[in-house]
Amino acid sequence: MTDTARFKGIAASLGVAVGAARVLGREPRRALDRRIEDASIPSELSRFEEAVSKSRAEIEAAKQELIERHGPTYAPILDVYLLMHGDALLIDATCEAIRNDRINAEWALSKVTERLKKPLLEDASSYFQERARDIEHVREHLLRHLRGEQRTERSTEQPMVLIAHDLTPADAVHMLAPPTVGLVTEMGAGSSHTAILARTFGVPAVVGVGPVATHIEDDDVVLVDGFAGEVAVRVSQDERRAAEQRRDRFAAFLEAERSTTAITRDGVAISVAANVELPNDVQAALENGAEGIGLYRTEFMCLDSLEPPSEEAQLEVYRGVVQAMAPKRVVFRTFDWRGDKGLRAPDLQARERGWLTAQINAVLRAGTDGSVALMFPMVSTVQEFREARALVDRCRSELNDERARTAEVPIGMMVEVPSAALLAERFTQHADFFAVGTNDLAHYTLAFDHRGDRSAAQSLDPSVLGLLQRTITAASDAQLPCSMCGDLAADPVALCVALGLGYREISVPVRVVPLARAVIRNVDLRTAAEVARDALECGSAEAVRALVLDRLDDDLGTLWKQQGIV
């Protein structure tokens, strides 16, 4: 192959990478499925048990490597896979299939995993989609050992970009280290465990690109654009040099911007906080000068069990985060064990209400160690939020610790569905603050596939902008704090529209904090307000983006072009 090929996916880890392709998973595989005789059942069970043992040992080694490189915080990513190696629904069921169906271990394992994945894949929740991927990853580990395959190693010192159908977290721990500089996967989402690890290791990544491996050969030069979610293969020398220069500029830019301020050209200070999902990200947030944590995603604590941790276990984590950030504020978002978000307070069953109560108690108790706020996601009705707030009040009144009962912990809500934006004026009577999630708001407003890569771009659709304007206007009239923590705030072009609409608090991924500050310093709010008003009259998200690029090019064009944003 000699022609340049280009692919579009989901930007999972920021940055630019240039390296030689290493395509994984091309080894020929023999047929898996075969019937066995009764006499062969014991040996087949023994073969499967040996594969489970070797697979568990492999993941244990990866976990130890992860702890040595980045501390114990990320261990739950791999703990969930270790737990599945002892799960009766997977391991015992596979053994039963070998005995009862008289089939080999590979076939039995595949049948069981497909059965376990089916209800998860049928659910629209991204949480359940990721749990199905977890099962698939464990299956791949077990199949590799059943086949006697070895993880392929290639000795090289040149920068390398991994190309894979998917990459299990255990393999990611081993492979996302020098000389690997980039990652491209056909499957996956920005919230997957592998994407989290790519961000942790600082490896630019694009996931969910669809069938791509057949278009790439080992040693092809690959460019990974972790900003635009684009991959280019077999590019010209000029394009390669330009990408390398852009990579180096971004690294230098991040270092230089760590201690800058976020004050607009006309002298207005904008608060730039960080979105965080792991305790270890707190240090990175501080190093990048974040003014607090505007969104702490607590779902990560549920990765290694079927239910949330105990109140005391949560308190230990929350307290550590709060103390590290003090006196800056940490805003914790509640989780729903069934999905990555969601609150339906009137419908909570007793067990689920107990889990939510434990989390609320832990956050309230952590409020004695610093500045803390609590917010509920996916609120759609006023009654729903009133029920949630009443639950917090009951939790507070029942705490034994007087300091925790009286600690100031504002209670807010995320504006992520159209009804919340349309009723924003009424919600101001009950909430202490708003946090706008533009990804979900765009998804529910425009009814597109939430698992695709359109959410950031479509947040600029005029219909979504109208809801964003309605929300910030209601909050401003009520003098209620209102932040934006979705991808629109993290987009260096779209951020200008958010500022023009009136948003003065944003929360973005940790690595975007310096870039957001740089954009803010180049914006004149009066001009941005005029652009935002005209954007509301546009016919599409694409037209809005073109408008911003045209009208603000004099102020921001140099920055955008230097970082390769446009």
Protein backbone atom coordinates (compact mmCIF):
# COMPACT_ATOMS: atom_id res chain seq x y z
CA MET A 1 0.00 0.00 0.00
CA THR A 2 1.33 3.45 -0.91
CA ASP A 3 -1.63 5.85 -0.87
CA THR A 4 -2.39 7.95 2.19
CA ALA A 5 -5.36 6.63 4.19
CA ARG A 6 -7.34 8.65 6.73
CA PHE A 7 -9.75 7.52 9.43
CA LYS A 8 -12.08 9.24 11.88
CA GLY A 9 -12.75 8.02 15.41
CA ILE A 10 -13.21 9.24 18.97
CA ALA A 11 -10.52 11.41 20.54
CA ALA A 12 -9.76 9.42 23.69
CA SER A 13 -6.47 10.94 24.85
CA LEU A 14 -5.21 14.38 23.87
CA GLY A 15 -2.00 14.98 21.99
CA VAL A 16 -0.30 14.21 18.69
CA ALA A 17 1.73 11.07 18.02
CA VAL A 18 3.90 10.05 15.06
CA GLY A 19 5.32 6.55 14.84
CA ALA A 20 5.68 3.28 12.97
CA ALA A 21 2.61 1.06 12.99
CA ARG A 22 2.53 -2.14 14.96
CA VAL A 23 -0.60 -4.05 14.00
CA LEU A 24 -1.78 -6.49 16.66
CA GLY A 25 -3.89 -9.60 16.24
CA ARG A 26 -2.92 -10.74 12.77
CA GLU A 27 -1.69 -14.15 13.85
CA PRO A 28 -3.58 -17.03 12.13
CA ARG A 29 -6.00 -18.84 14.45
CA ARG A 30 -7.16 -22.41 14.18
CA ALA A 31 -10.82 -23.35 14.36
CA LEU A 32 -12.24 -23.12 17.88
CA ASP A 33 -15.44 -25.11 17.95
CA ARG A 34 -15.49 -28.89 18.18
CA ARG A 35 -17.50 -31.62 19.85
CA ILE A 36 -15.78 -33.90 22.37
CA GLU A 37 -16.35 -37.42 23.64
CA ASP A 38 -17.34 -38.17 27.23
CA ALA A 39 -13.87 -39.53 27.90
CA SER A 40 -12.34 -36.17 26.92
CA ILE A 41 -14.39 -34.07 29.35
CA PRO A 42 -11.94 -34.33 32.30
CA SER A 43 -8.95 -33.30 30.16
CA GLU A 44 -10.93 -30.43 28.63
CA LEU A 45 -11.92 -29.18 32.09
CA SER A 46 -8.30 -29.43 33.17
CA ARG A 47 -7.19 -27.47 30.10
CA PHE A 48 -9.70 -24.74 30.90
CA GLU A 49 -8.67 -24.57 34.57
CA GLU A 50 -5.03 -24.21 33.51
CA ALA A 51 -5.97 -21.36 31.15
CA VAL A 52 -7.85 -19.60 33.96
CA SER A 53 -4.83 -19.93 36.25
CA LYS A 54 -2.39 -18.58 33.64
CA SER A 55 -4.72 -15.75 32.65
CA ARG A 56 -5.19 -14.72 36.29
CA ALA A 57 -1.40 -14.73 36.80
CA GLU A 58 -0.95 -12.57 33.70
CA ILE A 59 -3.41 -9.98 34.96
CA GLU A 60 -1.92 -10.05 38.47
CA ALA A 61 1.47 -9.26 36.91
CA ALA A 62 -0.07 -6.38 34.95
CA LYS A 63 -1.71 -5.06 38.12
CA GLN A 64 1.64 -5.10 39.94
CA GLU A 65 3.28 -3.31 37.02
CA LEU A 66 0.51 -0.68 37.09
CA ILE A 67 0.94 -0.13 40.83
CA GLU A 68 4.71 0.22 40.47
CA ARG A 69 4.33 2.81 37.71
CA HIS A 70 1.38 4.82 38.97
CA GLY A 71 0.54 3.76 42.52
CA PRO A 72 -2.46 1.78 43.81
CA THR A 73 -5.18 4.15 42.57
CA TYR A 74 -5.62 2.44 39.21
CA ALA A 75 -5.65 -1.13 40.55
CA PRO A 76 -9.49 -1.38 40.42
CA ILE A 77 -9.28 -1.29 36.62
CA LEU A 78 -7.69 -4.73 36.73
CA ASP A 79 -9.38 -5.97 39.91
CA VAL A 80 -12.65 -6.29 38.01
CA TYR A 81 -10.98 -8.72 35.57
CA LEU A 82 -9.49 -10.75 38.41
CA LEU A 83 -12.90 -11.01 40.04
CA MET A 84 -14.38 -12.36 36.83
CA HIS A 85 -11.79 -15.15 36.84
CA GLY A 86 -13.56 -16.49 39.93
CA ASP A 87 -17.13 -15.60 38.88
CA ALA A 88 -19.46 -18.60 38.89
CA LEU A 89 -21.57 -17.04 36.13
CA LEU A 90 -18.52 -17.18 33.86
CA ILE A 91 -16.12 -19.85 35.09
CA ASP A 92 -18.52 -22.41 36.55
CA ALA A 93 -20.97 -21.93 33.70
CA THR A 94 -18.21 -22.63 31.17
CA CYS A 95 -17.32 -25.85 32.97
CA GLU A 96 -20.99 -26.85 32.97
CA ALA A 97 -21.20 -26.18 29.23
CA ILE A 98 -18.18 -28.42 28.63
CA ARG A 99 -19.82 -31.23 30.62
CA ASN A 100 -23.42 -30.89 29.48
CA ASP A 101 -22.96 -29.85 25.84
CA ARG A 102 -19.84 -32.00 25.29
CA ILE A 103 -17.98 -29.21 23.56
CA ASN A 104 -14.42 -27.97 23.85
CA ALA A 105 -13.44 -25.18 26.25
CA GLU A 106 -13.12 -22.49 23.57
CA TRP A 107 -16.63 -23.10 22.30
CA ALA A 108 -18.07 -23.34 25.82
CA LEU A 109 -16.37 -20.09 26.87
CA SER A 110 -17.65 -18.25 23.80
CA LYS A 111 -21.22 -19.48 24.34
CA VAL A 112 -21.23 -18.38 27.98
CA THR A 113 -19.69 -14.97 27.35
CA GLU A 114 -22.12 -14.23 24.52
CA ARG A 115 -25.02 -15.10 26.86
CA LEU A 116 -23.63 -12.82 29.59
CA LYS A 117 -22.99 -9.94 27.17
CA LYS A 118 -26.40 -9.99 25.48
CA PRO A 119 -28.49 -8.16 28.13
CA LEU A 120 -25.67 -5.67 28.70
CA LEU A 121 -25.38 -4.78 25.02
CA GLU A 122 -29.16 -4.37 24.76
CA ASP A 123 -29.08 -1.62 27.41
CA ALA A 124 -28.47 1.94 26.19
CA SER A 125 -26.32 2.80 29.22
CA SER A 126 -22.66 3.36 28.38
CA TYR A 127 -21.86 1.74 31.73
CA PHE A 128 -23.42 -1.55 30.64
CA GLN A 129 -21.75 -1.30 27.23
CA GLU A 130 -18.39 -1.09 28.99
CA ARG A 131 -19.22 -4.02 31.26
CA ALA A 132 -19.88 -6.09 28.12
CA ARG A 133 -16.42 -5.07 26.90
CA ASP A 134 -14.98 -6.25 30.24
CA ILE A 135 -16.44 -9.70 29.62
CA GLU A 136 -15.05 -9.71 26.09
CA HIS A 137 -11.61 -8.75 27.38
CA VAL A 138 -11.58 -11.61 29.88
CA ARG A 139 -12.68 -13.98 27.11
CA GLU A 140 -9.77 -12.82 24.94
CA HIS A 141 -7.28 -13.46 27.75
CA LEU A 142 -8.65 -16.93 28.39
CA LEU A 143 -8.78 -17.84 24.70
CA ARG A 144 -5.19 -16.73 24.24
CA HIS A 145 -4.07 -19.18 26.91
CA LEU A 146 -6.34 -21.96 25.66
CA ARG A 147 -4.71 -21.62 22.25
CA GLY A 148 -1.24 -21.48 23.74
CA GLU A 149 -0.62 -18.09 22.14
CA GLN A 150 2.06 -15.78 23.47
CA ARG A 151 1.73 -12.02 23.61
CA THR A 152 3.82 -10.88 20.67
CA GLU A 153 6.86 -8.82 21.55
CA ARG A 154 8.83 -6.75 19.13
CA SER A 155 12.19 -5.30 20.02
CA THR A 156 12.47 -1.78 18.70
CA GLU A 157 13.58 1.60 19.92
CA GLN A 158 11.76 3.66 17.31
CA PRO A 159 8.47 5.41 18.26
CA MET A 160 5.59 3.01 17.70
CA VAL A 161 1.81 3.38 17.28
CA LEU A 162 -0.28 0.37 18.31
CA ILE A 163 -3.09 -0.60 15.93
CA ALA A 164 -5.59 -3.07 17.39
CA HIS A 165 -9.17 -4.22 17.09
CA ASP A 166 -9.29 -3.58 20.82
CA LEU A 167 -6.77 -3.61 23.64
CA THR A 168 -7.52 -5.12 27.01
CA PRO A 169 -6.52 -3.01 30.04
CA ALA A 170 -4.02 -5.66 31.12
CA ASP A 171 -2.35 -5.54 27.71
CA ALA A 172 -2.54 -1.73 27.77
CA VAL A 173 -0.55 -1.62 31.01
CA HIS A 174 2.19 -3.67 29.35
CA MET A 175 2.14 -2.04 25.91
CA LEU A 176 1.44 1.65 26.57
CA ALA A 177 5.03 2.31 27.57
CA PRO A 178 7.99 3.52 25.52
CA PRO A 179 8.58 3.10 22.66
CA THR A 180 4.77 3.21 22.22
CA VAL A 181 3.74 6.81 21.51
CA GLY A 182 0.18 6.39 20.21
CA LEU A 183 -2.84 4.06 20.19
CA VAL A 184 -5.55 3.38 17.59
CA THR A 185 -8.35 0.87 18.19
CA GLU A 186 -11.24 -0.22 16.00
CA MET A 187 -13.51 -0.61 19.04
CA GLY A 188 -13.92 1.33 22.27
CA ALA A 189 -15.16 4.60 23.69
CA GLY A 190 -13.62 7.60 25.40
CA SER A 191 -14.82 6.31 28.78
CA SER A 192 -13.36 2.80 28.43
CA HIS A 193 -10.76 1.46 30.83
CA THR A 194 -8.17 1.35 28.06
CA ALA A 195 -8.86 5.01 27.20
CA ILE A 196 -8.47 5.93 30.87
CA LEU A 197 -5.09 4.20 30.94
CA ALA A 198 -4.00 5.94 27.72
CA ARG A 199 -4.76 9.30 29.35
CA THR A 200 -3.00 8.18 32.54
CA PHE A 201 0.16 7.25 30.61
CA GLY A 202 -0.03 10.39 28.43
CA VAL A 203 -0.36 8.37 25.20
CA PRO A 204 -2.43 10.12 22.47
CA ALA A 205 -5.25 7.79 21.43
CA VAL A 206 -8.09 7.56 18.93
CA VAL A 207 -10.62 4.77 19.50
CA GLY A 208 -13.74 3.49 17.77
CA VAL A 209 -12.37 4.06 14.25
CA GLY A 210 -14.05 0.97 12.81
CA PRO A 211 -12.28 -1.49 10.46
CA VAL A 212 -8.80 -0.08 9.95
CA ALA A 213 -6.20 -2.82 10.50
CA THR A 214 -6.55 -4.19 6.97
CA HIS A 215 -5.53 -0.79 5.60
CA ILE A 216 -2.31 -0.60 7.62
CA GLU A 217 0.89 -2.60 7.41
CA ASP A 218 3.54 -2.94 10.09
CA ASP A 219 6.04 -0.05 9.91
CA ASP A 220 3.68 2.27 8.02
CA VAL A 221 4.05 5.80 9.36
CA VAL A 222 0.94 6.64 11.42
CA LEU A 223 -0.19 10.05 12.68
CA VAL A 224 -2.55 10.03 15.67
CA ASP A 225 -4.46 13.27 16.27
CA GLY A 226 -5.88 13.03 19.79
CA PHE A 227 -7.57 16.42 19.40
CA ALA A 228 -9.66 15.84 16.29
CA GLY A 229 -9.97 12.05 16.67
CA GLU A 230 -8.25 11.48 13.33
CA VAL A 231 -5.69 8.94 12.11
CA ALA A 232 -3.56 9.28 8.97
CA VAL A 233 -1.38 6.53 7.47
CA ARG A 234 1.45 6.73 4.94
CA VAL A 235 1.54 10.52 4.88
CA SER A 236 4.03 12.67 3.06
CA GLN A 237 7.28 13.79 4.66
CA ASP A 238 5.91 17.33 4.86
CA GLU A 239 2.79 16.21 6.74
CA ARG A 240 4.89 14.07 9.05
CA ARG A 241 7.21 16.97 9.88
CA ALA A 242 4.23 19.25 10.49
CA ALA A 243 2.71 16.72 12.89
CA GLU A 244 6.00 16.30 14.76
CA GLN A 245 6.29 20.08 15.12
CA ARG A 246 2.71 20.26 16.36
CA ARG A 247 3.42 17.48 18.88
CA ASP A 248 6.44 19.33 20.22
CA ARG A 249 4.61 22.67 20.33
CA PHE A 250 1.77 21.18 22.34
CA ALA A 251 4.15 19.63 24.88
CA ALA A 252 5.96 22.96 25.30
CA PHE A 253 2.67 24.83 25.41
CA LEU A 254 1.29 22.68 28.24
CA GLU A 255 4.44 23.22 30.28
CA ALA A 256 4.41 26.99 29.73
CA GLU A 257 0.70 27.39 30.50
CA ARG A 258 0.67 25.60 33.84
CA SER A 259 0.98 28.80 35.91
CA THR A 260 -0.99 31.27 33.80
CA THR A 261 -4.26 33.03 34.64
CA ALA A 262 -7.71 32.90 33.00
CA ILE A 263 -8.59 36.57 32.58
CA THR A 264 -10.22 37.74 29.36
CA ARG A 265 -8.82 40.59 27.26
CA ASP A 266 -11.40 42.91 28.80
CA GLY A 267 -10.39 41.97 32.35
CA VAL A 268 -12.99 39.40 33.45
CA ALA A 269 -11.76 36.43 35.50
CA ILE A 270 -13.09 33.02 34.43
CA SER A 271 -12.96 30.06 36.79
CA VAL A 272 -11.31 27.00 35.20
CA ALA A 273 -11.73 23.80 37.22
CA ALA A 274 -10.94 20.19 36.29
CA ASN A 275 -13.04 17.13 35.54
CA VAL A 276 -11.57 14.20 37.49
CA GLU A 277 -12.38 10.49 37.69
CA LEU A 278 -9.41 9.10 39.63
CA PRO A 279 -7.79 10.24 42.88
CA ASN A 280 -4.37 10.34 41.21
CA ASP A 281 -5.71 12.92 38.75
CA VAL A 282 -5.93 15.38 41.64
CA GLN A 283 -2.18 15.99 41.61
CA ALA A 284 -2.29 16.60 37.86
CA ALA A 285 -5.15 19.06 38.38
CA LEU A 286 -3.06 20.98 40.91
CA GLU A 287 0.02 20.93 38.67
CA ASN A 288 -2.04 22.34 35.80
CA GLY A 289 -3.39 25.14 37.97
CA ALA A 290 -7.04 24.07 38.14
CA GLU A 291 -9.09 26.25 40.47
CA GLY A 292 -10.88 23.24 41.89
CA ILE A 293 -12.59 20.06 40.78
CA GLY A 294 -15.82 20.98 39.05
CA LEU A 295 -16.82 17.37 38.38
CA TYR A 296 -15.54 14.36 40.32
CA ARG A 297 -16.95 11.25 38.66
CA THR A 298 -17.43 8.71 41.42
CA GLU A 299 -18.40 5.79 39.12
CA PHE A 300 -14.81 4.61 39.01
CA MET A 301 -15.24 3.26 42.55
CA CYS A 302 -17.76 0.71 41.24
CA LEU A 303 -15.43 -0.99 38.77
CA ASP A 304 -14.38 -3.86 41.00
CA SER A 305 -17.73 -4.94 42.43
CA LEU A 306 -21.41 -5.25 41.62
CA GLU A 307 -22.28 -2.57 44.14
CA PRO A 308 -20.66 0.61 45.47
CA PRO A 309 -18.04 0.49 48.24
CA SER A 310 -19.03 0.97 51.86
CA GLU A 311 -19.53 4.40 53.36
CA GLU A 312 -16.18 4.18 55.16
CA ALA A 313 -14.33 3.11 52.00
CA GLN A 314 -15.85 6.00 50.07
CA LEU A 315 -15.08 8.43 52.88
CA GLU A 316 -11.41 7.46 52.78
CA VAL A 317 -11.20 8.25 49.06
CA TYR A 318 -13.26 11.46 49.21
CA ARG A 319 -11.38 12.74 52.25
CA GLY A 320 -8.04 12.23 50.51
CA VAL A 321 -9.23 14.16 47.45
CA VAL A 322 -10.71 17.00 49.50
CA GLN A 323 -7.62 17.37 51.68
CA ALA A 324 -5.33 17.38 48.65
CA MET A 325 -7.37 20.11 46.93
CA ALA A 326 -8.04 22.25 50.03
CA PRO A 327 -8.95 25.06 50.13
CA LYS A 328 -10.19 24.63 46.56
CA ARG A 329 -13.65 23.12 46.11
CA VAL A 330 -14.41 19.56 45.03
CA VAL A 331 -17.82 18.87 43.46
CA PHE A 332 -18.79 15.20 43.76
CA ARG A 333 -21.34 13.75 41.36
CA THR A 334 -23.42 10.87 42.74
CA PHE A 335 -23.38 7.55 40.92
CA ASP A 336 -25.95 4.93 40.06
CA TRP A 337 -24.56 1.39 40.31
CA ARG A 338 -26.68 0.34 37.31
CA GLY A 339 -25.21 2.94 34.98
CA ASP A 340 -22.67 5.68 34.74
CA LYS A 341 -25.23 8.21 35.91
CA GLY A 342 -28.87 8.63 36.68
CA LEU A 343 -31.12 9.52 39.57
CA ARG A 344 -34.76 8.61 39.87
CA ALA A 345 -35.20 9.31 43.58
CA PRO A 346 -38.94 8.44 43.88
CA ASP A 347 -38.32 5.05 42.24
CA LEU A 348 -35.23 3.98 44.18
CA GLN A 349 -35.58 0.54 45.68
CA ALA A 350 -34.59 0.06 49.32
CA ARG A 351 -31.19 -1.46 48.53
CA GLU A 352 -30.32 1.24 46.00
CA ARG A 353 -31.50 3.95 48.38
CA GLY A 354 -29.14 2.48 50.95
CA TRP A 355 -26.24 2.75 48.52
CA LEU A 356 -27.10 6.37 47.70
CA THR A 357 -27.47 7.15 51.40
CA ALA A 358 -24.00 5.74 52.08
CA GLN A 359 -22.51 7.92 49.37
CA ILE A 360 -24.30 11.06 50.59
CA ASN A 361 -23.11 10.38 54.14
CA ALA A 362 -19.53 9.94 52.95
CA VAL A 363 -19.58 13.23 51.01
CA LEU A 364 -21.15 15.12 53.94
CA ARG A 365 -18.53 13.75 56.31
CA ALA A 366 -15.74 14.65 53.88
CA GLY A 367 -17.09 18.20 54.00
CA THR A 368 -15.38 18.66 57.37
CA ASP A 369 -11.97 18.40 55.67
CA GLY A 370 -12.32 21.12 53.05
CA SER A 371 -14.64 22.72 50.53
CA VAL A 372 -17.14 20.18 49.19
CA ALA A 373 -20.30 20.23 47.07
CA LEU A 374 -22.62 17.43 45.98
CA MET A 375 -24.63 17.24 42.78
CA PHE A 376 -27.12 14.84 41.24
CA PRO A 377 -26.98 13.84 37.55
CA MET A 378 -29.75 13.42 35.00
CA VAL A 379 -32.36 15.39 36.93
CA SER A 380 -35.43 15.87 34.74
CA THR A 381 -38.23 17.13 37.02
CA VAL A 382 -38.46 19.53 39.94
CA GLN A 383 -40.12 16.86 42.08
CA GLU A 384 -37.21 14.51 41.38
CA PHE A 385 -34.68 17.04 42.65
CA ARG A 386 -36.80 17.91 45.68
CA GLU A 387 -36.88 14.20 46.59
CA ALA A 388 -33.11 13.99 46.21
CA ARG A 389 -32.56 17.07 48.32
CA ALA A 390 -34.90 15.74 51.01
CA LEU A 391 -32.83 12.57 51.14
CA VAL A 392 -29.70 14.66 51.73
CA ASP A 393 -31.47 16.53 54.53
CA ARG A 394 -32.44 13.26 56.20
CA CYS A 395 -28.90 11.94 55.90
CA ARG A 396 -27.51 15.12 57.41
CA SER A 397 -29.91 15.04 60.36
CA GLU A 398 -28.98 11.44 61.19
CA LEU A 399 -25.19 11.92 61.22
CA ASN A 400 -23.55 11.45 64.60
CA ASP A 401 -20.75 13.91 63.85
CA GLU A 402 -21.89 17.43 64.76
CA ARG A 403 -19.26 18.96 62.49
CA ALA A 404 -20.53 16.92 59.53
CA ARG A 405 -24.15 17.88 60.28
CA THR A 406 -23.30 21.57 60.19
CA ALA A 407 -20.62 21.61 57.45
CA GLU A 408 -21.54 23.75 54.47
CA VAL A 409 -22.10 21.39 51.53
CA PRO A 410 -24.03 23.01 48.66
CA ILE A 411 -26.43 20.68 46.84
CA GLY A 412 -26.68 21.12 43.09
CA MET A 413 -27.83 19.41 39.94
CA MET A 414 -26.56 18.70 36.48
CA VAL A 415 -28.49 20.16 33.56
CA GLU A 416 -28.25 17.35 31.02
CA VAL A 417 -31.75 16.89 29.62
CA PRO A 418 -33.96 19.43 27.83
CA SER A 419 -36.61 19.46 30.58
CA ALA A 420 -34.02 20.61 33.12
CA ALA A 421 -32.96 23.49 30.86
CA LEU A 422 -36.54 24.44 30.04
CA LEU A 423 -37.42 24.47 33.75
CA ALA A 424 -34.15 26.10 34.84
CA GLU A 425 -35.94 29.12 36.31
CA ARG A 426 -38.01 26.87 38.59
CA PHE A 427 -35.01 24.73 39.53
CA THR A 428 -33.20 27.84 40.82
CA GLN A 429 -35.67 27.86 43.72
CA HIS A 430 -34.37 24.50 44.94
CA ALA A 431 -30.77 24.02 43.78
CA ASP A 432 -27.66 25.72 45.20
CA PHE A 433 -25.87 25.53 41.85
CA PHE A 434 -26.08 24.19 38.29
CA ALA A 435 -23.50 22.22 36.30
CA VAL A 436 -24.30 21.87 32.62
CA GLY A 437 -23.33 18.63 30.86
CA THR A 438 -23.32 19.57 27.20
CA ASN A 439 -22.66 16.05 25.86
CA ASP A 440 -25.86 14.57 27.25
CA LEU A 441 -27.84 17.74 26.64
CA ALA A 442 -26.94 17.58 22.94
CA HIS A 443 -27.64 13.84 22.87
CA TYR A 444 -31.13 14.15 24.33
CA THR A 445 -31.97 17.30 22.39
CA LEU A 446 -30.94 15.97 18.99
CA ALA A 447 -31.56 12.23 19.59
CA PHE A 448 -28.31 11.01 18.04
CA ASP A 449 -26.36 7.89 19.00
CA HIS A 450 -24.66 8.69 22.30
CA ARG A 451 -21.98 6.08 21.64
CA GLY A 452 -20.81 7.86 18.51
CA ASP A 453 -18.36 10.75 18.22
CA ARG A 454 -20.82 13.53 17.46
CA SER A 455 -21.57 14.87 20.92
CA ALA A 456 -18.83 17.51 21.11
CA ALA A 457 -19.51 18.84 17.61
CA GLN A 458 -23.32 18.81 17.91
CA SER A 459 -23.23 20.72 21.20
CA LEU A 460 -22.91 23.79 18.97
CA ASP A 461 -26.26 23.12 17.32
CA PRO A 462 -28.44 26.25 17.70
CA SER A 463 -31.16 24.25 19.45
CA VAL A 464 -28.66 23.19 22.12
CA LEU A 465 -27.23 26.71 22.36
CA GLY A 466 -30.74 27.99 23.01
CA LEU A 467 -31.08 25.65 26.00
CA LEU A 468 -27.63 26.67 27.24
CA GLN A 469 -28.64 30.33 27.04
CA ARG A 470 -31.90 29.67 28.87
CA THR A 471 -30.02 27.88 31.67
CA ILE A 472 -27.35 30.52 32.22
CA THR A 473 -29.93 33.32 32.06
CA ALA A 474 -32.07 31.69 34.75
CA ALA A 475 -29.01 31.08 36.92
CA SER A 476 -27.72 34.63 36.50
CA ASP A 477 -31.11 36.18 37.29
CA ALA A 478 -31.24 34.10 40.50
CA GLN A 479 -27.54 34.77 41.27
CA LEU A 480 -27.00 31.02 41.23
CA PRO A 481 -23.54 29.61 40.36
CA CYS A 482 -23.63 27.82 37.02
CA SER A 483 -20.68 25.97 35.50
CA MET A 484 -20.24 24.12 32.23
CA CYS A 485 -18.47 20.76 32.49
CA GLY A 486 -19.24 19.09 29.16
CA ASP A 487 -17.06 18.80 26.07
CA LEU A 488 -18.25 22.12 24.67
CA ALA A 489 -16.18 23.90 27.32
CA ALA A 490 -13.16 21.75 26.43
CA ASP A 491 -13.35 22.62 22.71
CA PRO A 492 -11.08 25.66 22.08
CA VAL A 493 -13.48 26.95 19.42
CA ALA A 494 -16.79 26.20 21.13
CA LEU A 495 -15.54 27.63 24.45
CA CYS A 496 -15.74 31.09 22.88
CA VAL A 497 -19.49 30.61 22.34
CA ALA A 498 -19.97 29.44 25.94
CA LEU A 499 -18.25 32.60 27.19
CA GLY A 500 -20.37 34.70 24.87
CA LEU A 501 -23.55 33.11 26.23
CA GLY A 502 -22.52 34.19 29.73
CA TYR A 503 -20.75 31.21 31.31
CA ARG A 504 -18.04 32.33 33.73
CA GLU A 505 -17.22 28.95 35.31
CA ILE A 506 -16.04 25.92 33.35
CA SER A 507 -14.67 22.50 34.23
CA VAL A 508 -12.63 20.59 31.66
CA PRO A 509 -10.42 17.47 31.48
CA VAL A 510 -7.18 17.94 33.41
CA ARG A 511 -4.93 18.17 30.35
CA VAL A 512 -7.21 20.78 28.75
CA VAL A 513 -6.97 23.22 31.67
CA PRO A 514 -3.91 25.10 30.31
CA LEU A 515 -5.39 25.28 26.80
CA ALA A 516 -8.70 26.62 28.12
CA ARG A 517 -6.88 29.36 30.01
CA ALA A 518 -4.98 30.35 26.87
CA VAL A 519 -8.23 30.64 24.89
CA ILE A 520 -9.85 32.71 27.63
CA ARG A 521 -6.97 35.21 27.71
CA ASN A 522 -7.46 35.87 24.00
CA VAL A 523 -11.23 36.44 24.16
CA ASP A 524 -12.97 39.82 24.40
CA LEU A 525 -16.33 39.06 26.04
CA ARG A 526 -18.21 41.82 24.22
CA THR A 527 -17.16 40.37 20.88
CA ALA A 528 -17.89 36.84 22.09
CA ALA A 529 -21.39 37.91 23.16
CA GLU A 530 -22.08 39.30 19.69
CA VAL A 531 -20.86 36.05 18.11
CA ALA A 532 -23.06 34.00 20.48
CA ARG A 533 -26.13 36.05 19.57
CA ASP A 534 -25.49 35.48 15.87
CA ALA A 535 -24.78 31.79 16.51
CA LEU A 536 -28.30 31.35 17.84
CA GLU A 537 -29.58 32.42 14.40
CA CYS A 538 -27.44 29.91 12.48
CA GLY A 539 -28.93 26.82 10.85
CA SER A 540 -26.51 24.16 12.02
CA ALA A 541 -23.60 23.32 14.30
CA GLU A 542 -21.26 23.48 11.31
CA ALA A 543 -22.47 26.99 10.51
CA VAL A 544 -21.88 28.06 14.12
CA ARG A 545 -18.33 26.73 14.07
CA ALA A 546 -17.62 28.49 10.77
CA LEU A 547 -19.01 31.72 12.25
CA VAL A 548 -16.72 31.53 15.28
CA LEU A 549 -13.66 30.74 13.18
CA ASP A 550 -14.39 33.70 10.93
CA ARG A 551 -15.30 36.31 13.54
CA LEU A 552 -12.66 35.46 16.14
CA ASP A 553 -9.78 34.63 13.82
CA ASP A 554 -7.99 37.92 14.55
CA ASP A 555 -7.97 37.19 18.30
CA LEU A 556 -7.57 33.41 18.38
CA GLY A 557 -6.45 32.34 14.93
CA THR A 558 -2.76 32.19 15.84
CA LEU A 559 -3.42 30.01 18.91
CA TRP A 560 -5.78 27.71 17.03
CA LYS A 561 -3.33 27.25 14.16
CA GLN A 562 -0.29 26.76 16.40
CA GLN A 563 -2.00 23.90 18.21
CA GLY A 564 -3.45 22.46 15.00
CA ILE A 565 -7.03 23.00 16.17
CA VAL A 566 -8.11 24.41 12.79
